[in-house]
N, C-alpha and C. Protein backbone atom coordinates (compact mmCIF):
# COMPACT_ATOMS: atom_id res chain seq x y z
N UNK A 1 25.58 10.54 34.10
CA UNK A 1 26.52 9.46 34.27
C UNK A 1 27.49 9.47 33.08
N UNK A 2 28.78 9.42 33.34
CA UNK A 2 29.79 9.46 32.28
C UNK A 2 30.17 8.04 31.86
N UNK A 3 30.77 7.89 30.65
CA UNK A 3 31.21 6.56 30.24
C UNK A 3 32.16 5.91 31.23
N UNK A 4 33.04 6.70 31.87
CA UNK A 4 33.98 6.15 32.81
C UNK A 4 33.27 5.52 34.01
N UNK A 5 32.13 6.11 34.43
CA UNK A 5 31.43 5.55 35.57
C UNK A 5 30.77 4.23 35.21
N UNK A 6 30.58 3.97 33.91
CA UNK A 6 30.03 2.70 33.45
C UNK A 6 31.14 1.69 33.16
N UNK A 7 32.38 2.10 33.35
CA UNK A 7 33.55 1.27 33.10
C UNK A 7 33.70 0.91 31.63
N UNK A 8 33.41 1.89 30.77
CA UNK A 8 33.62 1.73 29.33
C UNK A 8 34.40 2.93 28.81
N UNK A 9 35.09 2.73 27.69
CA UNK A 9 35.85 3.80 27.07
C UNK A 9 35.32 4.05 25.67
N UNK A 10 35.47 5.27 25.21
CA UNK A 10 35.20 5.57 23.81
C UNK A 10 36.37 5.03 23.00
N UNK A 11 36.21 4.95 21.70
CA UNK A 11 37.31 4.51 20.84
C UNK A 11 38.50 5.47 20.99
N UNK A 12 38.23 6.76 21.04
CA UNK A 12 39.31 7.74 21.22
C UNK A 12 40.06 7.53 22.53
N UNK A 13 39.32 7.29 23.61
CA UNK A 13 39.95 7.04 24.90
C UNK A 13 40.78 5.76 24.87
N UNK A 14 40.26 4.74 24.22
CA UNK A 14 40.99 3.48 24.09
C UNK A 14 42.30 3.71 23.33
N UNK A 15 42.20 4.37 22.18
CA UNK A 15 43.39 4.62 21.36
C UNK A 15 44.45 5.38 22.16
N UNK A 16 44.02 6.39 22.88
CA UNK A 16 44.95 7.17 23.69
C UNK A 16 45.57 6.31 24.79
N UNK A 17 44.75 5.47 25.42
CA UNK A 17 45.22 4.65 26.54
C UNK A 17 46.28 3.64 26.11
N UNK A 18 46.11 3.06 24.92
CA UNK A 18 47.07 2.04 24.47
C UNK A 18 48.11 2.60 23.50
N UNK A 19 48.00 3.89 23.17
CA UNK A 19 49.00 4.55 22.35
C UNK A 19 48.96 4.19 20.88
N UNK A 20 47.75 4.07 20.32
CA UNK A 20 47.62 3.80 18.89
C UNK A 20 46.82 4.91 18.22
N UNK A 21 46.98 5.02 16.91
CA UNK A 21 46.23 6.02 16.15
C UNK A 21 44.85 5.46 15.80
N UNK A 22 43.97 6.37 15.36
CA UNK A 22 42.65 5.93 14.90
C UNK A 22 42.77 5.04 13.67
N UNK A 23 43.74 5.32 12.81
CA UNK A 23 43.91 4.47 11.62
C UNK A 23 44.33 3.06 12.02
N UNK A 24 45.16 2.94 13.04
CA UNK A 24 45.52 1.61 13.55
C UNK A 24 44.31 0.92 14.13
N UNK A 25 43.47 1.67 14.84
CA UNK A 25 42.23 1.12 15.38
C UNK A 25 41.37 0.53 14.26
N UNK A 26 41.20 1.30 13.20
CA UNK A 26 40.37 0.83 12.09
C UNK A 26 40.98 -0.41 11.43
N UNK A 27 42.29 -0.44 11.33
CA UNK A 27 42.97 -1.61 10.76
C UNK A 27 42.73 -2.83 11.64
N UNK A 28 42.90 -2.69 12.95
CA UNK A 28 42.66 -3.79 13.87
C UNK A 28 41.22 -4.28 13.77
N UNK A 29 40.29 -3.34 13.68
CA UNK A 29 38.87 -3.69 13.60
C UNK A 29 38.58 -4.46 12.31
N UNK A 30 39.11 -3.98 11.18
CA UNK A 30 38.92 -4.66 9.89
C UNK A 30 39.47 -6.08 9.92
N UNK A 31 40.60 -6.26 10.59
CA UNK A 31 41.25 -7.56 10.66
C UNK A 31 40.62 -8.48 11.71
N UNK A 32 39.68 -7.94 12.50
CA UNK A 32 39.07 -8.73 13.55
C UNK A 32 39.96 -8.88 14.77
N UNK A 33 40.92 -7.96 14.93
CA UNK A 33 41.88 -8.03 16.04
C UNK A 33 41.68 -6.96 17.10
N UNK A 34 40.55 -6.27 17.05
CA UNK A 34 40.27 -5.24 18.05
C UNK A 34 39.58 -5.88 19.25
N UNK A 35 39.61 -5.22 20.40
CA UNK A 35 38.85 -5.75 21.54
C UNK A 35 37.35 -5.72 21.25
N UNK A 36 36.61 -6.50 21.99
CA UNK A 36 35.17 -6.55 21.81
C UNK A 36 34.56 -5.16 21.99
N UNK A 37 33.61 -4.86 21.11
CA UNK A 37 32.97 -3.54 21.08
C UNK A 37 31.52 -3.67 21.50
N UNK A 38 31.06 -2.70 22.25
CA UNK A 38 29.64 -2.60 22.61
C UNK A 38 29.07 -1.44 21.79
N UNK A 39 28.07 -1.71 20.97
CA UNK A 39 27.41 -0.66 20.19
C UNK A 39 26.15 -0.23 20.92
N UNK A 40 26.08 1.05 21.21
CA UNK A 40 24.92 1.61 21.89
C UNK A 40 24.37 2.70 20.99
N UNK A 41 23.28 2.38 20.30
CA UNK A 41 22.70 3.34 19.38
C UNK A 41 23.67 3.80 18.31
N UNK A 42 24.51 2.90 17.83
CA UNK A 42 25.48 3.23 16.80
C UNK A 42 26.76 3.84 17.33
N UNK A 43 26.86 4.03 18.61
CA UNK A 43 28.07 4.59 19.22
C UNK A 43 28.87 3.44 19.81
N UNK A 44 30.16 3.38 19.46
CA UNK A 44 31.01 2.30 19.93
C UNK A 44 31.62 2.62 21.29
N UNK A 45 31.56 1.64 22.17
CA UNK A 45 32.21 1.72 23.47
C UNK A 45 32.96 0.41 23.69
N UNK A 46 34.00 0.47 24.50
CA UNK A 46 34.81 -0.71 24.78
C UNK A 46 34.89 -0.86 26.30
N UNK A 47 34.47 -2.02 26.78
CA UNK A 47 34.54 -2.28 28.22
C UNK A 47 36.00 -2.44 28.66
N UNK A 48 36.32 -1.95 29.84
CA UNK A 48 37.68 -2.10 30.36
C UNK A 48 38.05 -3.58 30.47
N UNK A 49 37.08 -4.40 30.83
CA UNK A 49 37.31 -5.85 30.93
C UNK A 49 37.75 -6.41 29.57
N UNK A 50 37.12 -5.95 28.49
CA UNK A 50 37.47 -6.41 27.14
C UNK A 50 38.89 -5.95 26.78
N UNK A 51 39.26 -4.77 27.24
CA UNK A 51 40.60 -4.26 26.97
C UNK A 51 41.64 -5.12 27.68
N UNK A 52 41.38 -5.45 28.93
CA UNK A 52 42.31 -6.29 29.69
C UNK A 52 42.48 -7.65 29.03
N UNK A 53 41.38 -8.24 28.57
CA UNK A 53 41.44 -9.53 27.87
C UNK A 53 42.24 -9.40 26.59
N UNK A 54 41.97 -8.36 25.82
CA UNK A 54 42.65 -8.12 24.55
C UNK A 54 44.15 -7.94 24.77
N UNK A 55 44.52 -7.17 25.79
CA UNK A 55 45.94 -6.96 26.09
C UNK A 55 46.61 -8.28 26.48
N UNK A 56 45.96 -9.08 27.30
CA UNK A 56 46.52 -10.36 27.73
C UNK A 56 46.70 -11.30 26.53
N UNK A 57 45.71 -11.34 25.65
CA UNK A 57 45.81 -12.20 24.46
C UNK A 57 46.96 -11.76 23.56
N UNK A 58 47.13 -10.46 23.39
CA UNK A 58 48.22 -9.96 22.56
C UNK A 58 49.58 -10.21 23.20
N UNK A 59 49.62 -10.12 24.52
CA UNK A 59 50.87 -10.40 25.23
C UNK A 59 51.24 -11.88 25.07
N UNK A 60 50.25 -12.76 25.21
CA UNK A 60 50.50 -14.19 25.05
C UNK A 60 50.97 -14.51 23.63
N UNK A 61 50.33 -13.89 22.64
CA UNK A 61 50.69 -14.11 21.24
C UNK A 61 52.13 -13.64 20.99
N UNK A 62 52.48 -12.48 21.52
CA UNK A 62 53.84 -11.94 21.33
C UNK A 62 54.87 -12.85 22.00
N UNK A 63 54.55 -13.36 23.17
CA UNK A 63 55.47 -14.25 23.87
C UNK A 63 55.66 -15.55 23.10
N UNK A 64 54.55 -16.09 22.57
CA UNK A 64 54.63 -17.33 21.78
C UNK A 64 55.43 -17.10 20.50
N UNK A 65 55.22 -15.96 19.84
CA UNK A 65 55.97 -15.65 18.62
C UNK A 65 57.46 -15.52 18.92
N UNK A 66 57.80 -14.87 20.03
CA UNK A 66 59.20 -14.70 20.39
C UNK A 66 59.84 -16.05 20.69
N UNK A 67 59.13 -16.93 21.37
CA UNK A 67 59.66 -18.26 21.68
C UNK A 67 59.85 -19.06 20.39
N UNK A 68 58.90 -18.95 19.48
CA UNK A 68 58.99 -19.65 18.19
C UNK A 68 60.19 -19.15 17.39
N UNK A 69 60.36 -17.85 17.33
CA UNK A 69 61.49 -17.26 16.60
C UNK A 69 62.82 -17.65 17.23
N UNK A 70 62.86 -17.71 18.54
CA UNK A 70 64.08 -18.08 19.25
C UNK A 70 64.42 -19.54 18.97
N UNK A 71 63.40 -20.40 18.94
CA UNK A 71 63.63 -21.82 18.67
C UNK A 71 64.13 -22.05 17.25
N UNK A 72 63.75 -21.18 16.33
CA UNK A 72 64.21 -21.31 14.95
C UNK A 72 65.58 -20.68 14.74
N UNK A 73 66.13 -20.06 15.77
CA UNK A 73 67.45 -19.45 15.67
C UNK A 73 67.44 -18.08 15.05
N UNK A 74 66.28 -17.44 15.00
CA UNK A 74 66.20 -16.09 14.43
C UNK A 74 66.92 -15.11 15.33
N UNK A 75 67.53 -14.14 14.70
CA UNK A 75 68.21 -13.09 15.45
C UNK A 75 67.18 -12.24 16.20
N UNK A 76 67.41 -11.95 17.47
CA UNK A 76 66.49 -11.07 18.18
C UNK A 76 66.55 -9.66 17.62
N UNK A 77 65.45 -8.98 17.69
CA UNK A 77 65.36 -7.60 17.19
C UNK A 77 65.91 -6.67 18.25
N UNK A 78 66.91 -5.89 17.88
CA UNK A 78 67.50 -4.91 18.79
C UNK A 78 67.06 -3.53 18.37
N UNK A 79 66.44 -2.82 19.30
CA UNK A 79 65.95 -1.48 18.98
C UNK A 79 66.82 -0.46 19.66
């Protein structure tokens, strides 16, 4: 049985899926901002459900930050 059949990802798979580096992963984890982790015998796995929750929370936070900045009259960031 593979991790995908259990609906979990390795940290490497997670990083690749969301487009972040391992160093960013470690930073998020240190800050307590990473998705919930399942430790199985010292091996970290991340449930897809936890990833969806984490993405939604980050999207809500970004939307709230943008609304707050807009209300304060901050210039929007143009990339």
